All heavy atoms as atom14 arrays in JSON, in Angstrom:
{
  "sequence": "HKVTLGEIVNLLESFRHQPTTLLIPEIASNSFAKKLYSTYLSYLPAE",
  "atom14_mask": [
    [1, 1, 1, 1, 1, 1, 1, 1, 1, 1, 0, 0, 0, 0],
    [1, 1, 1, 1, 1, 1, 1, 1, 1, 0, 0, 0, 0, 0],
    [1, 1, 1, 1, 1, 1, 1, 0, 0, 0, 0, 0, 0, 0],
    [1, 1, 1, 1, 1, 1, 1, 0, 0, 0, 0, 0, 0, 0],
    [1, 1, 1, 1, 1, 1, 1, 1, 0, 0, 0, 0, 0, 0],
    [1, 1, 1, 1, 0, 0, 0, 0, 0, 0, 0, 0, 0, 0],
    [1, 1, 1, 1, 1, 1, 1, 1, 1, 0, 0, 0, 0, 0],
    [1, 1, 1, 1, 1, 1, 1, 1, 0, 0, 0, 0, 0, 0],
    [1, 1, 1, 1, 1, 1, 1, 0, 0, 0, 0, 0, 0, 0],
    [1, 1, 1, 1, 1, 1, 1, 1, 0, 0, 0, 0, 0, 0],
    [1, 1, 1, 1, 1, 1, 1, 1, 0, 0, 0, 0, 0, 0],
    [1, 1, 1, 1, 1, 1, 1, 1, 0, 0, 0, 0, 0, 0],
    [1, 1, 1, 1, 1, 1, 1, 1, 1, 0, 0, 0, 0, 0],
    [1, 1, 1, 1, 1, 1, 0, 0, 0, 0, 0, 0, 0, 0],
    [1, 1, 1, 1, 1, 1, 1, 1, 1, 1, 1, 0, 0, 0],
    [1, 1, 1, 1, 1, 1, 1, 1, 1, 1, 1, 0, 0, 0],
    [1, 1, 1, 1, 1, 1, 1, 1, 1, 1, 0, 0, 0, 0],
    [1, 1, 1, 1, 1, 1, 1, 1, 1, 0, 0, 0, 0, 0],
    [1, 1, 1, 1, 1, 1, 1, 0, 0, 0, 0, 0, 0, 0],
    [1, 1, 1, 1, 1, 1, 1, 0, 0, 0, 0, 0, 0, 0],
    [1, 1, 1, 1, 1, 1, 1, 0, 0, 0, 0, 0, 0, 0],
    [1, 1, 1, 1, 1, 1, 1, 1, 0, 0, 0, 0, 0, 0],
    [1, 1, 1, 1, 1, 1, 1, 1, 0, 0, 0, 0, 0, 0],
    [1, 1, 1, 1, 1, 1, 1, 1, 0, 0, 0, 0, 0, 0],
    [1, 1, 1, 1, 1, 1, 1, 0, 0, 0, 0, 0, 0, 0],
    [1, 1, 1, 1, 1, 1, 1, 1, 1, 0, 0, 0, 0, 0],
    [1, 1, 1, 1, 1, 1, 1, 1, 0, 0, 0, 0, 0, 0],
    [1, 1, 1, 1, 1, 0, 0, 0, 0, 0, 0, 0, 0, 0],
    [1, 1, 1, 1, 1, 1, 0, 0, 0, 0, 0, 0, 0, 0],
    [1, 1, 1, 1, 1, 1, 1, 1, 0, 0, 0, 0, 0, 0],
    [1, 1, 1, 1, 1, 1, 0, 0, 0, 0, 0, 0, 0, 0],
    [1, 1, 1, 1, 1, 1, 1, 1, 1, 1, 1, 0, 0, 0],
    [1, 1, 1, 1, 1, 0, 0, 0, 0, 0, 0, 0, 0, 0],
    [1, 1, 1, 1, 1, 1, 1, 1, 1, 0, 0, 0, 0, 0],
    [1, 1, 1, 1, 1, 1, 1, 1, 1, 0, 0, 0, 0, 0],
    [1, 1, 1, 1, 1, 1, 1, 1, 0, 0, 0, 0, 0, 0],
    [1, 1, 1, 1, 1, 1, 1, 1, 1, 1, 1, 1, 0, 0],
    [1, 1, 1, 1, 1, 1, 0, 0, 0, 0, 0, 0, 0, 0],
    [1, 1, 1, 1, 1, 1, 1, 0, 0, 0, 0, 0, 0, 0],
    [1, 1, 1, 1, 1, 1, 1, 1, 1, 1, 1, 1, 0, 0],
    [1, 1, 1, 1, 1, 1, 1, 1, 0, 0, 0, 0, 0, 0],
    [1, 1, 1, 1, 1, 1, 0, 0, 0, 0, 0, 0, 0, 0],
    [1, 1, 1, 1, 1, 1, 1, 1, 1, 1, 1, 1, 0, 0],
    [1, 1, 1, 1, 1, 1, 1, 1, 0, 0, 0, 0, 0, 0],
    [1, 1, 1, 1, 1, 1, 1, 0, 0, 0, 0, 0, 0, 0],
    [1, 1, 1, 1, 1, 0, 0, 0, 0, 0, 0, 0, 0, 0],
    [1, 1, 1, 1, 1, 1, 1, 1, 1, 0, 0, 0, 0, 0]
  ],
  "atom14_positions": [
    [[13.06, -29.16, 11.35], [12.56, -28.88, 12.69], [12.39, -30.2, 13.44], [11.78, -31.14, 12.92], [11.21, -28.16, 12.62], [11.25, -26.88, 11.85], [11.58, -25.68, 12.41], [11.02, -26.64, 10.53], [11.55, -24.73, 11.49], [11.21, -25.28, 10.34], [0.0, 0.0, 0.0], [0.0, 0.0, 0.0], [0.0, 0.0, 0.0], [0.0, 0.0, 0.0]],
    [[12.93, -30.26, 14.65], [12.76, -31.43, 15.51], [11.75, -31.09, 16.6], [11.98, -30.22, 17.43], [14.09, -31.87, 16.1], [15.04, -32.45, 15.06], [16.31, -33.02, 15.69], [17.21, -33.65, 14.61], [18.45, -34.22, 15.19], [0.0, 0.0, 0.0], [0.0, 0.0, 0.0], [0.0, 0.0, 0.0], [0.0, 0.0, 0.0], [0.0, 0.0, 0.0]],
    [[10.62, -31.78, 16.57], [9.52, -31.52, 17.5], [8.92, -32.84, 17.96], [9.04, -33.87, 17.29], [8.42, -30.65, 16.86], [8.91, -29.24, 16.59], [7.92, -31.28, 15.57], [0.0, 0.0, 0.0], [0.0, 0.0, 0.0], [0.0, 0.0, 0.0], [0.0, 0.0, 0.0], [0.0, 0.0, 0.0], [0.0, 0.0, 0.0], [0.0, 0.0, 0.0]],
    [[8.25, -32.82, 19.1], [7.59, -34.02, 19.6], [6.16, -34.08, 19.06], [5.57, -33.06, 18.69], [7.55, -34.05, 21.13], [6.71, -32.98, 21.59], [8.95, -33.91, 21.72], [0.0, 0.0, 0.0], [0.0, 0.0, 0.0], [0.0, 0.0, 0.0], [0.0, 0.0, 0.0], [0.0, 0.0, 0.0], [0.0, 0.0, 0.0], [0.0, 0.0, 0.0]],
    [[5.62, -35.29, 19.06], [4.23, -35.45, 18.66], [3.31, -34.64, 19.56], [2.32, -34.06, 19.1], [3.84, -36.93, 18.72], [4.43, -37.84, 17.64], [4.02, -39.28, 17.89], [3.97, -37.41, 16.24], [0.0, 0.0, 0.0], [0.0, 0.0, 0.0], [0.0, 0.0, 0.0], [0.0, 0.0, 0.0], [0.0, 0.0, 0.0], [0.0, 0.0, 0.0]],
    [[3.64, -34.59, 20.85], [2.82, -33.81, 21.77], [2.8, -32.34, 21.43], [1.75, -31.68, 21.49], [0.0, 0.0, 0.0], [0.0, 0.0, 0.0], [0.0, 0.0, 0.0], [0.0, 0.0, 0.0], [0.0, 0.0, 0.0], [0.0, 0.0, 0.0], [0.0, 0.0, 0.0], [0.0, 0.0, 0.0], [0.0, 0.0, 0.0], [0.0, 0.0, 0.0]],
    [[3.96, -31.79, 21.06], [4.02, -30.37, 20.67], [3.19, -30.11, 19.42], [2.5, -29.08, 19.32], [5.48, -29.98, 20.42], [6.32, -29.9, 21.69], [7.81, -29.74, 21.41], [8.28, -30.24, 20.36], [8.49, -29.12, 22.23], [0.0, 0.0, 0.0], [0.0, 0.0, 0.0], [0.0, 0.0, 0.0], [0.0, 0.0, 0.0], [0.0, 0.0, 0.0]],
    [[3.24, -31.03, 18.47], [2.45, -30.88, 17.24], [0.97, -30.85, 17.56], [0.22, -29.97, 17.1], [2.78, -32.02, 16.25], [4.24, -31.92, 15.79], [1.84, -31.98, 15.05], [4.72, -33.13, 15.02], [0.0, 0.0, 0.0], [0.0, 0.0, 0.0], [0.0, 0.0, 0.0], [0.0, 0.0, 0.0], [0.0, 0.0, 0.0], [0.0, 0.0, 0.0]],
    [[0.52, -31.81, 18.36], [-0.9, -31.9, 18.69], [-1.36, -30.68, 19.48], [-2.44, -30.12, 19.23], [-1.19, -33.2, 19.46], [-2.62, -33.22, 19.98], [-0.94, -34.41, 18.56], [0.0, 0.0, 0.0], [0.0, 0.0, 0.0], [0.0, 0.0, 0.0], [0.0, 0.0, 0.0], [0.0, 0.0, 0.0], [0.0, 0.0, 0.0], [0.0, 0.0, 0.0]],
    [[-0.54, -30.21, 20.42], [-0.92, -29.03, 21.21], [-1.09, -27.81, 20.32], [-2.05, -27.03, 20.48], [0.14, -28.75, 22.28], [0.14, -29.77, 23.4], [-0.81, -30.53, 23.55], [1.21, -29.79, 24.17], [0.0, 0.0, 0.0], [0.0, 0.0, 0.0], [0.0, 0.0, 0.0], [0.0, 0.0, 0.0], [0.0, 0.0, 0.0], [0.0, 0.0, 0.0]],
    [[-0.18, -27.62, 19.39], [-0.31, -26.49, 18.47], [-1.57, -26.62, 17.61], [-2.32, -25.65, 17.44], [0.92, -26.41, 17.57], [2.17, -25.75, 18.16], [3.37, -25.96, 17.24], [1.94, -24.25, 18.38], [0.0, 0.0, 0.0], [0.0, 0.0, 0.0], [0.0, 0.0, 0.0], [0.0, 0.0, 0.0], [0.0, 0.0, 0.0], [0.0, 0.0, 0.0]],
    [[-1.81, -27.8, 17.09], [-2.98, -27.99, 16.23], [-4.28, -27.76, 16.99], [-5.24, -27.21, 16.45], [-2.95, -29.39, 15.61], [-1.87, -29.62, 14.55], [-1.84, -31.09, 14.12], [-2.09, -28.73, 13.34], [0.0, 0.0, 0.0], [0.0, 0.0, 0.0], [0.0, 0.0, 0.0], [0.0, 0.0, 0.0], [0.0, 0.0, 0.0], [0.0, 0.0, 0.0]],
    [[-4.32, -28.18, 18.24], [-5.52, -27.93, 19.05], [-5.72, -26.43, 19.26], [-6.86, -25.94, 19.23], [-5.41, -28.65, 20.39], [-5.54, -30.17, 20.31], [-6.93, -30.63, 19.92], [-7.86, -29.8, 19.87], [-7.1, -31.84, 19.64], [0.0, 0.0, 0.0], [0.0, 0.0, 0.0], [0.0, 0.0, 0.0], [0.0, 0.0, 0.0], [0.0, 0.0, 0.0]],
    [[-4.64, -25.69, 19.45], [-4.79, -24.23, 19.61], [-5.27, -23.6, 18.31], [-6.06, -22.65, 18.33], [-3.46, -23.61, 20.06], [-2.49, -23.6, 19.03], [0.0, 0.0, 0.0], [0.0, 0.0, 0.0], [0.0, 0.0, 0.0], [0.0, 0.0, 0.0], [0.0, 0.0, 0.0], [0.0, 0.0, 0.0], [0.0, 0.0, 0.0], [0.0, 0.0, 0.0]],
    [[-4.81, -24.12, 17.17], [-5.29, -23.61, 15.88], [-6.79, -23.89, 15.72], [-7.54, -23.04, 15.24], [-4.53, -24.26, 14.72], [-3.04, -24.08, 14.75], [-2.21, -24.93, 14.01], [-2.44, -23.07, 15.49], [-0.84, -24.77, 14.02], [-1.06, -22.91, 15.51], [-0.25, -23.77, 14.78], [0.0, 0.0, 0.0], [0.0, 0.0, 0.0], [0.0, 0.0, 0.0]],
    [[-7.19, -25.08, 16.12], [-8.6, -25.47, 15.96], [-9.52, -24.56, 16.77], [-10.64, -24.24, 16.35], [-8.8, -26.92, 16.39], [-10.23, -27.43, 16.24], [-10.29, -28.93, 16.38], [-10.04, -29.36, 17.74], [-10.98, -29.56, 18.66], [-12.25, -29.33, 18.36], [-10.67, -29.98, 19.86], [0.0, 0.0, 0.0], [0.0, 0.0, 0.0], [0.0, 0.0, 0.0]],
    [[-9.06, -24.12, 17.94], [-9.9, -23.29, 18.82], [-9.8, -21.8, 18.49], [-10.52, -21.0, 19.09], [-9.5, -23.51, 20.28], [-9.81, -24.89, 20.78], [-11.08, -25.42, 20.77], [-8.99, -25.85, 21.29], [-11.05, -26.65, 21.27], [-9.8, -26.94, 21.58], [0.0, 0.0, 0.0], [0.0, 0.0, 0.0], [0.0, 0.0, 0.0], [0.0, 0.0, 0.0]],
    [[-8.95, -21.42, 17.53], [-8.76, -20.0, 17.24], [-10.04, -19.26, 16.88], [-10.25, -18.13, 17.35], [-7.7, -19.83, 16.14], [-7.18, -18.42, 15.97], [-8.08, -17.55, 15.12], [-8.74, -18.04, 14.2], [-8.1, -16.26, 15.4], [0.0, 0.0, 0.0], [0.0, 0.0, 0.0], [0.0, 0.0, 0.0], [0.0, 0.0, 0.0], [0.0, 0.0, 0.0]],
    [[-10.96, -19.83, 16.09], [-12.19, -19.09, 15.79], [-13.03, -18.79, 17.04], [-13.84, -17.86, 17.02], [-12.94, -20.04, 14.85], [-11.87, -20.85, 14.2], [-10.86, -21.07, 15.28], [0.0, 0.0, 0.0], [0.0, 0.0, 0.0], [0.0, 0.0, 0.0], [0.0, 0.0, 0.0], [0.0, 0.0, 0.0], [0.0, 0.0, 0.0], [0.0, 0.0, 0.0]],
    [[-12.83, -19.56, 18.11], [-13.57, -19.32, 19.35], [-12.81, -18.37, 20.27], [-13.38, -17.4, 20.81], [-13.83, -20.64, 20.09], [-14.56, -21.52, 19.23], [-14.62, -20.4, 21.36], [0.0, 0.0, 0.0], [0.0, 0.0, 0.0], [0.0, 0.0, 0.0], [0.0, 0.0, 0.0], [0.0, 0.0, 0.0], [0.0, 0.0, 0.0], [0.0, 0.0, 0.0]],
    [[-11.51, -18.61, 20.45], [-10.71, -17.78, 21.35], [-10.23, -16.5, 20.69], [-9.89, -15.54, 21.38], [-9.48, -18.56, 21.84], [-8.62, -18.84, 20.72], [-9.89, -19.88, 22.49], [0.0, 0.0, 0.0], [0.0, 0.0, 0.0], [0.0, 0.0, 0.0], [0.0, 0.0, 0.0], [0.0, 0.0, 0.0], [0.0, 0.0, 0.0], [0.0, 0.0, 0.0]],
    [[-10.19, -16.49, 19.36], [-9.62, -15.4, 18.55], [-8.13, -15.22, 18.8], [-7.53, -14.26, 18.33], [-10.36, -14.07, 18.79], [-11.86, -14.07, 18.52], [-12.42, -12.66, 18.72], [-12.16, -14.54, 17.1], [0.0, 0.0, 0.0], [0.0, 0.0, 0.0], [0.0, 0.0, 0.0], [0.0, 0.0, 0.0], [0.0, 0.0, 0.0], [0.0, 0.0, 0.0]],
    [[-7.52, -16.15, 19.53], [-6.11, -16.03, 19.89], [-5.22, -16.61, 18.8], [-5.3, -17.8, 18.5], [-5.84, -16.75, 21.22], [-4.41, -16.65, 21.76], [-4.08, -15.2, 22.11], [-4.22, -17.56, 22.96], [0.0, 0.0, 0.0], [0.0, 0.0, 0.0], [0.0, 0.0, 0.0], [0.0, 0.0, 0.0], [0.0, 0.0, 0.0], [0.0, 0.0, 0.0]],
    [[-4.39, -15.76, 18.21], [-3.39, -16.21, 17.25], [-2.16, -16.65, 18.03], [-1.6, -15.86, 18.79], [-3.0, -15.08, 16.27], [-4.22, -14.6, 15.49], [-1.9, -15.55, 15.33], [-4.78, -15.61, 14.52], [0.0, 0.0, 0.0], [0.0, 0.0, 0.0], [0.0, 0.0, 0.0], [0.0, 0.0, 0.0], [0.0, 0.0, 0.0], [0.0, 0.0, 0.0]],
    [[-1.72, -17.9, 17.89], [-0.56, -18.35, 18.66], [0.72, -17.68, 18.19], [0.76, -17.05, 17.13], [-0.53, -19.86, 18.39], [-1.25, -20.03, 17.09], [-2.28, -18.95, 17.04], [0.0, 0.0, 0.0], [0.0, 0.0, 0.0], [0.0, 0.0, 0.0], [0.0, 0.0, 0.0], [0.0, 0.0, 0.0], [0.0, 0.0, 0.0], [0.0, 0.0, 0.0]],
    [[1.76, -17.81, 19.0], [3.06, -17.25, 18.63], [3.55, -17.94, 17.35], [3.73, -19.16, 17.31], [4.06, -17.47, 19.76], [3.71, -16.73, 21.04], [3.88, -15.23, 20.93], [4.6, -14.78, 20.01], [3.29, -14.5, 21.74], [0.0, 0.0, 0.0], [0.0, 0.0, 0.0], [0.0, 0.0, 0.0], [0.0, 0.0, 0.0], [0.0, 0.0, 0.0]],
    [[3.76, -17.18, 16.3], [4.21, -17.74, 15.02], [5.36, -16.89, 14.5], [5.21, -16.11, 13.57], [3.06, -17.83, 13.99], [2.22, -16.55, 13.98], [2.18, -19.03, 14.26], [1.13, -16.53, 12.93], [0.0, 0.0, 0.0], [0.0, 0.0, 0.0], [0.0, 0.0, 0.0], [0.0, 0.0, 0.0], [0.0, 0.0, 0.0], [0.0, 0.0, 0.0]],
    [[6.51, -17.05, 15.14], [7.69, -16.29, 14.77], [8.11, -16.62, 13.33], [7.82, -17.7, 12.81], [8.83, -16.6, 15.73], [0.0, 0.0, 0.0], [0.0, 0.0, 0.0], [0.0, 0.0, 0.0], [0.0, 0.0, 0.0], [0.0, 0.0, 0.0], [0.0, 0.0, 0.0], [0.0, 0.0, 0.0], [0.0, 0.0, 0.0], [0.0, 0.0, 0.0]],
    [[8.81, -15.69, 12.73], [9.28, -15.87, 11.35], [10.09, -17.15, 11.21], [10.98, -17.43, 12.02], [10.13, -14.66, 10.95], [10.65, -14.82, 9.65], [0.0, 0.0, 0.0], [0.0, 0.0, 0.0], [0.0, 0.0, 0.0], [0.0, 0.0, 0.0], [0.0, 0.0, 0.0], [0.0, 0.0, 0.0], [0.0, 0.0, 0.0], [0.0, 0.0, 0.0]],
    [[9.75, -17.93, 10.2], [10.45, -19.18, 9.87], [10.33, -20.24, 10.95], [11.06, -21.23, 10.94], [11.92, -18.93, 9.56], [12.48, -19.95, 8.58], [11.78, -20.39, 7.67], [13.73, -20.34, 8.75], [0.0, 0.0, 0.0], [0.0, 0.0, 0.0], [0.0, 0.0, 0.0], [0.0, 0.0, 0.0], [0.0, 0.0, 0.0], [0.0, 0.0, 0.0]],
    [[9.41, -20.07, 11.9], [9.25, -21.04, 12.98], [8.44, -22.24, 12.52], [7.68, -22.18, 11.54], [8.55, -20.39, 14.18], [7.21, -20.04, 13.84], [0.0, 0.0, 0.0], [0.0, 0.0, 0.0], [0.0, 0.0, 0.0], [0.0, 0.0, 0.0], [0.0, 0.0, 0.0], [0.0, 0.0, 0.0], [0.0, 0.0, 0.0], [0.0, 0.0, 0.0]],
    [[8.57, -23.33, 13.25], [7.76, -24.51, 12.97], [6.28, -24.19, 13.12], [5.46, -24.65, 12.32], [8.16, -25.66, 13.89], [7.26, -26.86, 13.78], [7.31, -27.67, 12.65], [6.34, -27.15, 14.77], [6.46, -28.76, 12.51], [5.49, -28.25, 14.65], [5.55, -29.05, 13.52], [0.0, 0.0, 0.0], [0.0, 0.0, 0.0], [0.0, 0.0, 0.0]],
    [[5.93, -23.41, 14.15], [4.52, -23.09, 14.39], [3.91, -22.37, 13.19], [2.78, -22.65, 12.79], [4.39, -22.23, 15.64], [0.0, 0.0, 0.0], [0.0, 0.0, 0.0], [0.0, 0.0, 0.0], [0.0, 0.0, 0.0], [0.0, 0.0, 0.0], [0.0, 0.0, 0.0], [0.0, 0.0, 0.0], [0.0, 0.0, 0.0], [0.0, 0.0, 0.0]],
    [[4.66, -21.44, 12.6], [4.16, -20.71, 11.43], [3.89, -21.66, 10.27], [2.85, -21.59, 9.61], [5.17, -19.64, 11.02], [4.8, -18.89, 9.76], [5.88, -17.89, 9.38], [5.53, -17.17, 8.08], [6.58, -16.22, 7.67], [0.0, 0.0, 0.0], [0.0, 0.0, 0.0], [0.0, 0.0, 0.0], [0.0, 0.0, 0.0], [0.0, 0.0, 0.0]],
    [[4.82, -22.57, 10.04], [4.69, -23.51, 8.92], [3.56, -24.52, 9.18], [2.83, -24.89, 8.25], [6.02, -24.22, 8.68], [7.14, -23.26, 8.29], [8.52, -23.89, 8.34], [9.6, -22.85, 8.05], [10.97, -23.43, 8.11], [0.0, 0.0, 0.0], [0.0, 0.0, 0.0], [0.0, 0.0, 0.0], [0.0, 0.0, 0.0], [0.0, 0.0, 0.0]],
    [[3.43, -24.94, 10.43], [2.35, -25.88, 10.77], [1.0, -25.21, 10.64], [0.03, -25.83, 10.17], [2.55, -26.4, 12.19], [1.55, -27.48, 12.63], [1.72, -28.76, 11.8], [1.71, -27.8, 14.12], [0.0, 0.0, 0.0], [0.0, 0.0, 0.0], [0.0, 0.0, 0.0], [0.0, 0.0, 0.0], [0.0, 0.0, 0.0], [0.0, 0.0, 0.0]],
    [[0.89, -23.94, 11.03], [-0.38, -23.22, 10.92], [-0.8, -23.12, 9.45], [-1.97, -23.38, 9.1], [-0.25, -21.83, 11.53], [-1.55, -21.22, 12.03], [-1.54, -20.1, 12.84], [-2.77, -21.76, 11.69], [-2.73, -19.54, 13.31], [-3.96, -21.22, 12.15], [-3.93, -20.1, 12.96], [-5.1, -19.55, 13.41], [0.0, 0.0, 0.0], [0.0, 0.0, 0.0]],
    [[0.14, -22.77, 8.58], [-0.18, -22.72, 7.14], [-0.64, -24.08, 6.64], [-1.57, -24.18, 5.83], [1.05, -22.26, 6.36], [1.38, -20.93, 6.67], [0.0, 0.0, 0.0], [0.0, 0.0, 0.0], [0.0, 0.0, 0.0], [0.0, 0.0, 0.0], [0.0, 0.0, 0.0], [0.0, 0.0, 0.0], [0.0, 0.0, 0.0], [0.0, 0.0, 0.0]],
    [[0.03, -25.12, 7.1], [-0.34, -26.47, 6.69], [-1.73, -26.82, 7.17], [-2.58, -27.32, 6.41], [0.68, -27.49, 7.24], [1.99, -27.15, 6.77], [0.34, -28.9, 6.78], [0.0, 0.0, 0.0], [0.0, 0.0, 0.0], [0.0, 0.0, 0.0], [0.0, 0.0, 0.0], [0.0, 0.0, 0.0], [0.0, 0.0, 0.0], [0.0, 0.0, 0.0]],
    [[-2.01, -26.55, 8.44], [-3.32, -26.83, 9.02], [-4.44, -26.14, 8.24], [-5.46, -26.75, 7.91], [-3.33, -26.39, 10.48], [-4.71, -26.34, 11.1], [-5.34, -27.5, 11.54], [-5.38, -25.12, 11.24], [-6.61, -27.44, 12.09], [-6.65, -25.06, 11.8], [-7.26, -26.23, 12.23], [-8.52, -26.18, 12.77], [0.0, 0.0, 0.0], [0.0, 0.0, 0.0]],
    [[-4.24, -24.86, 7.92], [-5.28, -24.11, 7.23], [-5.62, -24.73, 5.88], [-6.77, -24.66, 5.42], [-4.84, -22.66, 7.04], [-4.78, -21.81, 8.31], [-4.19, -20.44, 8.0], [-6.15, -21.66, 8.94], [0.0, 0.0, 0.0], [0.0, 0.0, 0.0], [0.0, 0.0, 0.0], [0.0, 0.0, 0.0], [0.0, 0.0, 0.0], [0.0, 0.0, 0.0]],
    [[-4.64, -25.36, 5.23], [-4.88, -25.94, 3.91], [-5.81, -27.14, 3.96], [-6.31, -27.59, 2.92], [-3.55, -26.33, 3.25], [-2.97, -27.47, 3.88], [0.0, 0.0, 0.0], [0.0, 0.0, 0.0], [0.0, 0.0, 0.0], [0.0, 0.0, 0.0], [0.0, 0.0, 0.0], [0.0, 0.0, 0.0], [0.0, 0.0, 0.0], [0.0, 0.0, 0.0]],
    [[-6.07, -27.68, 5.16], [-6.96, -28.83, 5.3], [-8.36, -28.45, 5.78], [-9.21, -29.33, 5.95], [-6.35, -29.84, 6.29], [-5.13, -30.54, 5.75], [-3.87, -30.01, 5.93], [-5.24, -31.73, 5.03], [-2.73, -30.63, 5.41], [-4.12, -32.37, 4.52], [-2.87, -31.8, 4.71], [-1.75, -32.43, 4.2], [0.0, 0.0, 0.0], [0.0, 0.0, 0.0]],
    [[-8.61, -27.18, 5.99], [-9.93, -26.78, 6.47], [-11.01, -27.08, 5.44], [-10.85, -26.77, 4.25], [-9.96, -25.29, 6.79], [-9.29, -24.81, 8.08], [-9.4, -23.3, 8.17], [-9.92, -25.47, 9.29], [0.0, 0.0, 0.0], [0.0, 0.0, 0.0], [0.0, 0.0, 0.0], [0.0, 0.0, 0.0], [0.0, 0.0, 0.0], [0.0, 0.0, 0.0]],
    [[-12.13, -27.66, 5.87], [-13.26, -27.84, 4.94], [-13.91, -26.49, 4.66], [-13.75, -25.53, 5.42], [-14.21, -28.76, 5.72], [-13.9, -28.47, 7.17], [-12.42, -28.18, 7.22], [0.0, 0.0, 0.0], [0.0, 0.0, 0.0], [0.0, 0.0, 0.0], [0.0, 0.0, 0.0], [0.0, 0.0, 0.0], [0.0, 0.0, 0.0], [0.0, 0.0, 0.0]],
    [[-14.65, -26.42, 3.56], [-15.22, -25.14, 3.12], [-16.08, -24.49, 4.2], [-16.06, -23.27, 4.36], [-16.04, -25.36, 1.85], [0.0, 0.0, 0.0], [0.0, 0.0, 0.0], [0.0, 0.0, 0.0], [0.0, 0.0, 0.0], [0.0, 0.0, 0.0], [0.0, 0.0, 0.0], [0.0, 0.0, 0.0], [0.0, 0.0, 0.0], [0.0, 0.0, 0.0]],
    [[-16.82, -25.3, 4.96], [-17.72, -24.74, 5.96], [-16.99, -24.12, 7.14], [-17.6, -23.44, 7.98], [-18.7, -25.8, 6.47], [-18.08, -27.0, 7.15], [-17.75, -28.13, 6.19], [-17.67, -27.87, 4.97], [-17.61, -29.28, 6.67], [0.0, 0.0, 0.0], [0.0, 0.0, 0.0], [0.0, 0.0, 0.0], [0.0, 0.0, 0.0], [0.0, 0.0, 0.0]]
  ]
}
């Protein structure tokens, strides 16, 4: 996947706000967003 740093950060910020907005971003099958979301979740602290 070829993506810009800005696109990565924007997606990660939307993931971070998901518990507040309850909005699940577009995560099409085999998309970069889907893979990044899985990666992001693996770094969540227990709390």
